[in-house]
Amino acid sequence: VKGSIDNIPLPDDSIDIVLASLVLHEIKPLSTTLQQIKRVLKDGGQFMCLEYEKDESAIEGPPMQIRVPSSVMEQELENAGLNITQKIFLRKDIYIITAKK
């Protein structure tokens, strides 16, 4: 699928699972993208994001100023109407959050 993340060219309620791996820190505003993800997810569909935690001791990954802390991501997901089902840390500077529509 080729398109824009802020206007995903897919029908409403058409996708079972959406995965965003180490990309959401590049997207502004995040709220528009998360609303689009919710729109295309089927009821009960799942969204999983893998992202960099804002951890000053990290020696790799994107600059700290563009990272999305897990607490902010949780709030953004909830504001978009997604229900968080799991949050885990793969290591102290990388987290995975799973949410359901």
N, C-alpha and C. Protein backbone atom coordinates (compact mmCIF):
# COMPACT_ATOMS: atom_id res chain seq x y z
N VAL A 1 0.85 -1.17 0.00
CA VAL A 1 0.00 0.00 0.00
C VAL A 1 0.89 1.23 0.00
N LYS A 2 0.65 2.12 -0.92
CA LYS A 2 1.40 3.36 -0.98
C LYS A 2 0.45 4.50 -0.63
N GLY A 3 0.88 5.33 0.30
CA GLY A 3 0.04 6.44 0.70
C GLY A 3 0.68 7.25 1.80
N SER A 4 -0.12 8.06 2.43
CA SER A 4 0.35 8.94 3.49
C SER A 4 -0.12 8.41 4.84
N ILE A 5 0.75 8.48 5.84
CA ILE A 5 0.41 7.98 7.17
C ILE A 5 -0.69 8.82 7.82
N ASP A 6 -0.83 10.07 7.40
CA ASP A 6 -1.88 10.89 8.00
C ASP A 6 -3.20 10.81 7.23
N ASN A 7 -3.23 9.97 6.20
CA ASN A 7 -4.46 9.70 5.45
C ASN A 7 -4.31 8.32 4.80
N ILE A 8 -4.36 7.29 5.61
CA ILE A 8 -4.09 5.92 5.15
C ILE A 8 -5.13 5.53 4.10
N PRO A 9 -4.69 5.12 2.89
CA PRO A 9 -5.62 4.82 1.80
C PRO A 9 -6.23 3.41 1.91
N LEU A 10 -6.87 3.15 3.02
CA LEU A 10 -7.54 1.87 3.26
C LEU A 10 -8.93 2.16 3.82
N PRO A 11 -9.88 1.25 3.58
CA PRO A 11 -11.22 1.46 4.12
C PRO A 11 -11.25 1.38 5.64
N ASP A 12 -12.25 2.00 6.22
CA ASP A 12 -12.49 1.89 7.66
C ASP A 12 -12.67 0.43 8.04
N ASP A 13 -12.25 0.08 9.25
CA ASP A 13 -12.50 -1.26 9.82
C ASP A 13 -12.07 -2.39 8.89
N SER A 14 -10.88 -2.29 8.30
CA SER A 14 -10.46 -3.28 7.31
C SER A 14 -9.20 -4.07 7.68
N ILE A 15 -8.53 -3.71 8.76
CA ILE A 15 -7.23 -4.31 9.09
C ILE A 15 -7.29 -4.98 10.47
N ASP A 16 -6.70 -6.17 10.57
CA ASP A 16 -6.67 -6.90 11.85
C ASP A 16 -5.54 -6.43 12.76
N ILE A 17 -4.36 -6.20 12.19
CA ILE A 17 -3.18 -5.85 12.98
C ILE A 17 -2.38 -4.77 12.26
N VAL A 18 -1.94 -3.78 13.03
CA VAL A 18 -1.03 -2.74 12.53
C VAL A 18 0.22 -2.78 13.40
N LEU A 19 1.38 -2.78 12.76
CA LEU A 19 2.66 -2.77 13.47
C LEU A 19 3.45 -1.54 13.03
N ALA A 20 3.92 -0.78 14.01
CA ALA A 20 4.79 0.37 13.75
C ALA A 20 6.08 0.13 14.52
N SER A 21 7.17 -0.09 13.81
CA SER A 21 8.44 -0.43 14.44
C SER A 21 9.46 0.68 14.25
N LEU A 22 9.75 1.37 15.35
CA LEU A 22 10.80 2.40 15.40
C LEU A 22 10.60 3.50 14.36
N VAL A 23 9.34 3.91 14.17
CA VAL A 23 9.05 4.99 13.21
C VAL A 23 8.22 6.13 13.80
N LEU A 24 7.45 5.88 14.83
CA LEU A 24 6.51 6.89 15.31
C LEU A 24 7.20 8.14 15.85
N HIS A 25 8.43 8.01 16.30
CA HIS A 25 9.16 9.19 16.80
C HIS A 25 9.42 10.20 15.68
N GLU A 26 9.30 9.78 14.43
CA GLU A 26 9.53 10.66 13.28
C GLU A 26 8.26 11.40 12.85
N ILE A 27 7.11 11.05 13.41
CA ILE A 27 5.83 11.55 12.91
C ILE A 27 5.26 12.62 13.84
N LYS A 28 4.92 13.76 13.25
CA LYS A 28 4.29 14.85 13.99
C LYS A 28 3.12 15.37 13.16
N PRO A 29 1.95 15.58 13.71
CA PRO A 29 1.57 15.20 15.06
C PRO A 29 1.23 13.71 15.12
N LEU A 30 1.57 13.11 16.21
CA LEU A 30 1.32 11.69 16.41
C LEU A 30 -0.18 11.39 16.49
N SER A 31 -0.94 12.32 17.02
CA SER A 31 -2.38 12.09 17.21
C SER A 31 -3.10 11.79 15.90
N THR A 32 -2.77 12.49 14.83
CA THR A 32 -3.42 12.25 13.53
C THR A 32 -3.16 10.84 13.04
N THR A 33 -1.92 10.39 13.16
CA THR A 33 -1.55 9.04 12.72
C THR A 33 -2.28 7.99 13.54
N LEU A 34 -2.33 8.17 14.85
CA LEU A 34 -3.00 7.18 15.69
C LEU A 34 -4.50 7.14 15.42
N GLN A 35 -5.10 8.27 15.10
CA GLN A 35 -6.52 8.28 14.73
C GLN A 35 -6.74 7.52 13.42
N GLN A 36 -5.82 7.66 12.48
CA GLN A 36 -5.91 6.92 11.22
C GLN A 36 -5.75 5.42 11.46
N ILE A 37 -4.83 5.06 12.32
CA ILE A 37 -4.64 3.64 12.64
C ILE A 37 -5.91 3.08 13.26
N LYS A 38 -6.49 3.81 14.20
CA LYS A 38 -7.74 3.35 14.81
C LYS A 38 -8.84 3.20 13.75
N ARG A 39 -8.91 4.14 12.83
CA ARG A 39 -9.94 4.11 11.78
C ARG A 39 -9.86 2.85 10.94
N VAL A 40 -8.65 2.45 10.54
CA VAL A 40 -8.52 1.29 9.65
C VAL A 40 -8.59 -0.05 10.39
N LEU A 41 -8.37 -0.04 11.71
CA LEU A 41 -8.45 -1.29 12.46
C LEU A 41 -9.89 -1.78 12.57
N LYS A 42 -10.06 -3.08 12.44
CA LYS A 42 -11.36 -3.69 12.71
C LYS A 42 -11.63 -3.61 14.21
N ASP A 43 -12.91 -3.73 14.59
CA ASP A 43 -13.22 -3.82 16.02
C ASP A 43 -12.49 -5.03 16.59
N GLY A 44 -11.80 -4.84 17.68
CA GLY A 44 -10.99 -5.91 18.26
C GLY A 44 -9.61 -6.02 17.63
N GLY A 45 -9.34 -5.22 16.59
CA GLY A 45 -8.03 -5.23 15.95
C GLY A 45 -6.95 -4.73 16.88
N GLN A 46 -5.71 -5.13 16.61
CA GLN A 46 -4.60 -4.79 17.49
C GLN A 46 -3.58 -3.88 16.82
N PHE A 47 -3.04 -2.99 17.61
CA PHE A 47 -1.95 -2.12 17.19
C PHE A 47 -0.76 -2.39 18.10
N MET A 48 0.40 -2.57 17.49
CA MET A 48 1.62 -2.79 18.26
C MET A 48 2.66 -1.77 17.81
N CYS A 49 3.25 -1.09 18.77
CA CYS A 49 4.34 -0.17 18.43
C CYS A 49 5.58 -0.50 19.24
N LEU A 50 6.68 -0.47 18.55
CA LEU A 50 8.00 -0.65 19.14
C LEU A 50 8.69 0.70 19.00
N GLU A 51 9.15 1.25 20.11
CA GLU A 51 9.71 2.61 20.07
C GLU A 51 10.85 2.75 21.06
N TYR A 52 11.63 3.81 20.86
CA TYR A 52 12.72 4.16 21.76
C TYR A 52 12.20 4.95 22.96
N GLU A 53 12.55 4.50 24.15
CA GLU A 53 12.24 5.26 25.37
C GLU A 53 13.19 6.45 25.44
N LYS A 54 12.73 7.50 26.06
CA LYS A 54 13.60 8.67 26.28
C LYS A 54 14.48 8.36 27.49
N ASP A 55 15.65 7.83 27.21
CA ASP A 55 16.59 7.37 28.24
C ASP A 55 17.94 8.03 27.97
N GLU A 56 18.31 8.96 28.81
CA GLU A 56 19.53 9.74 28.60
C GLU A 56 20.80 8.88 28.57
N SER A 57 20.75 7.67 29.12
CA SER A 57 21.95 6.83 29.13
C SER A 57 22.10 6.00 27.85
N ALA A 58 21.10 6.06 26.96
CA ALA A 58 21.16 5.28 25.72
C ALA A 58 22.30 5.78 24.83
N ILE A 59 22.97 4.84 24.18
CA ILE A 59 24.09 5.22 23.31
C ILE A 59 23.77 5.03 21.83
N GLU A 60 22.58 4.54 21.51
CA GLU A 60 22.19 4.38 20.11
C GLU A 60 20.75 4.80 19.94
N GLY A 61 20.36 4.96 18.68
CA GLY A 61 19.00 5.36 18.38
C GLY A 61 18.91 6.83 18.04
N PRO A 62 17.68 7.31 17.87
CA PRO A 62 17.48 8.70 17.45
C PRO A 62 17.81 9.67 18.59
N PRO A 63 17.94 10.95 18.25
CA PRO A 63 18.21 11.95 19.29
C PRO A 63 17.12 11.96 20.36
N MET A 64 17.51 12.27 21.58
CA MET A 64 16.56 12.28 22.70
C MET A 64 15.37 13.20 22.45
N GLN A 65 15.60 14.34 21.80
CA GLN A 65 14.54 15.33 21.65
C GLN A 65 13.40 14.86 20.75
N ILE A 66 13.60 13.82 19.94
CA ILE A 66 12.49 13.34 19.10
C ILE A 66 11.92 12.01 19.59
N ARG A 67 12.50 11.41 20.61
CA ARG A 67 11.96 10.15 21.14
C ARG A 67 10.61 10.40 21.82
N VAL A 68 9.78 9.38 21.82
CA VAL A 68 8.47 9.46 22.47
C VAL A 68 8.51 8.58 23.71
N PRO A 69 8.53 9.18 24.90
CA PRO A 69 8.53 8.38 26.12
C PRO A 69 7.31 7.45 26.17
N SER A 70 7.47 6.30 26.78
CA SER A 70 6.36 5.34 26.84
C SER A 70 5.13 5.93 27.52
N SER A 71 5.32 6.78 28.52
CA SER A 71 4.17 7.39 29.20
C SER A 71 3.40 8.32 28.25
N VAL A 72 4.11 9.02 27.39
CA VAL A 72 3.47 9.89 26.40
C VAL A 72 2.76 9.04 25.35
N MET A 73 3.40 7.96 24.91
CA MET A 73 2.77 7.08 23.92
C MET A 73 1.48 6.49 24.48
N GLU A 74 1.51 6.06 25.73
CA GLU A 74 0.30 5.52 26.35
C GLU A 74 -0.82 6.55 26.33
N GLN A 75 -0.52 7.78 26.70
CA GLN A 75 -1.53 8.83 26.71
C GLN A 75 -2.05 9.11 25.31
N GLU A 76 -1.16 9.15 24.32
CA GLU A 76 -1.58 9.38 22.93
C GLU A 76 -2.50 8.26 22.44
N LEU A 77 -2.16 7.03 22.77
CA LEU A 77 -3.00 5.89 22.37
C LEU A 77 -4.38 5.97 23.01
N GLU A 78 -4.41 6.28 24.29
CA GLU A 78 -5.69 6.41 24.98
C GLU A 78 -6.50 7.57 24.41
N ASN A 79 -5.84 8.68 24.11
CA ASN A 79 -6.54 9.83 23.52
C ASN A 79 -7.12 9.49 22.15
N ALA A 80 -6.48 8.58 21.43
CA ALA A 80 -6.97 8.15 20.12
C ALA A 80 -8.10 7.13 20.24
N GLY A 81 -8.40 6.69 21.45
CA GLY A 81 -9.48 5.74 21.66
C GLY A 81 -9.06 4.29 21.59
N LEU A 82 -7.76 4.04 21.72
CA LEU A 82 -7.25 2.66 21.74
C LEU A 82 -7.01 2.24 23.19
N ASN A 83 -7.24 0.97 23.47
CA ASN A 83 -7.11 0.44 24.83
C ASN A 83 -5.81 -0.34 24.95
N ILE A 84 -4.94 0.11 25.84
CA ILE A 84 -3.64 -0.54 26.02
C ILE A 84 -3.84 -1.90 26.69
N THR A 85 -3.25 -2.92 26.09
CA THR A 85 -3.37 -4.28 26.63
C THR A 85 -2.05 -4.79 27.20
N GLN A 86 -0.94 -4.21 26.76
CA GLN A 86 0.36 -4.67 27.25
C GLN A 86 1.43 -3.62 27.00
N LYS A 87 2.36 -3.55 27.94
CA LYS A 87 3.55 -2.70 27.77
C LYS A 87 4.72 -3.47 28.34
N ILE A 88 5.75 -3.65 27.51
CA ILE A 88 6.95 -4.34 27.97
C ILE A 88 8.18 -3.58 27.48
N PHE A 89 9.26 -3.77 28.18
CA PHE A 89 10.54 -3.20 27.77
C PHE A 89 11.44 -4.33 27.30
N LEU A 90 11.91 -4.24 26.06
CA LEU A 90 12.87 -5.22 25.55
C LEU A 90 14.22 -5.00 26.20
N ARG A 91 14.52 -3.74 26.45
CA ARG A 91 15.66 -3.30 27.24
C ARG A 91 15.25 -1.92 27.75
N LYS A 92 16.08 -1.27 28.54
CA LYS A 92 15.59 -0.05 29.19
C LYS A 92 15.31 1.10 28.23
N ASP A 93 15.83 1.04 27.01
CA ASP A 93 15.58 2.13 26.07
C ASP A 93 14.69 1.75 24.88
N ILE A 94 14.10 0.56 24.90
CA ILE A 94 13.17 0.16 23.83
C ILE A 94 11.95 -0.52 24.45
N TYR A 95 10.77 -0.03 24.09
CA TYR A 95 9.53 -0.58 24.62
C TYR A 95 8.61 -1.03 23.49
N ILE A 96 7.69 -1.91 23.88
CA ILE A 96 6.61 -2.34 23.00
C ILE A 96 5.30 -2.08 23.74
N ILE A 97 4.39 -1.42 23.07
CA ILE A 97 3.04 -1.24 23.61
C ILE A 97 2.06 -1.86 22.63
N THR A 98 1.16 -2.67 23.15
CA THR A 98 0.10 -3.27 22.36
C THR A 98 -1.23 -2.66 22.81
N ALA A 99 -2.06 -2.31 21.85
CA ALA A 99 -3.36 -1.71 22.15
C ALA A 99 -4.41 -2.33 21.24
N LYS A 100 -5.65 -2.26 21.69
CA LYS A 100 -6.76 -2.87 20.96
C LYS A 100 -7.83 -1.82 20.69
N LYS A 101 -8.46 -1.95 19.53
CA LYS A 101 -9.58 -1.05 19.19
C LYS A 101 -10.84 -1.58 19.85
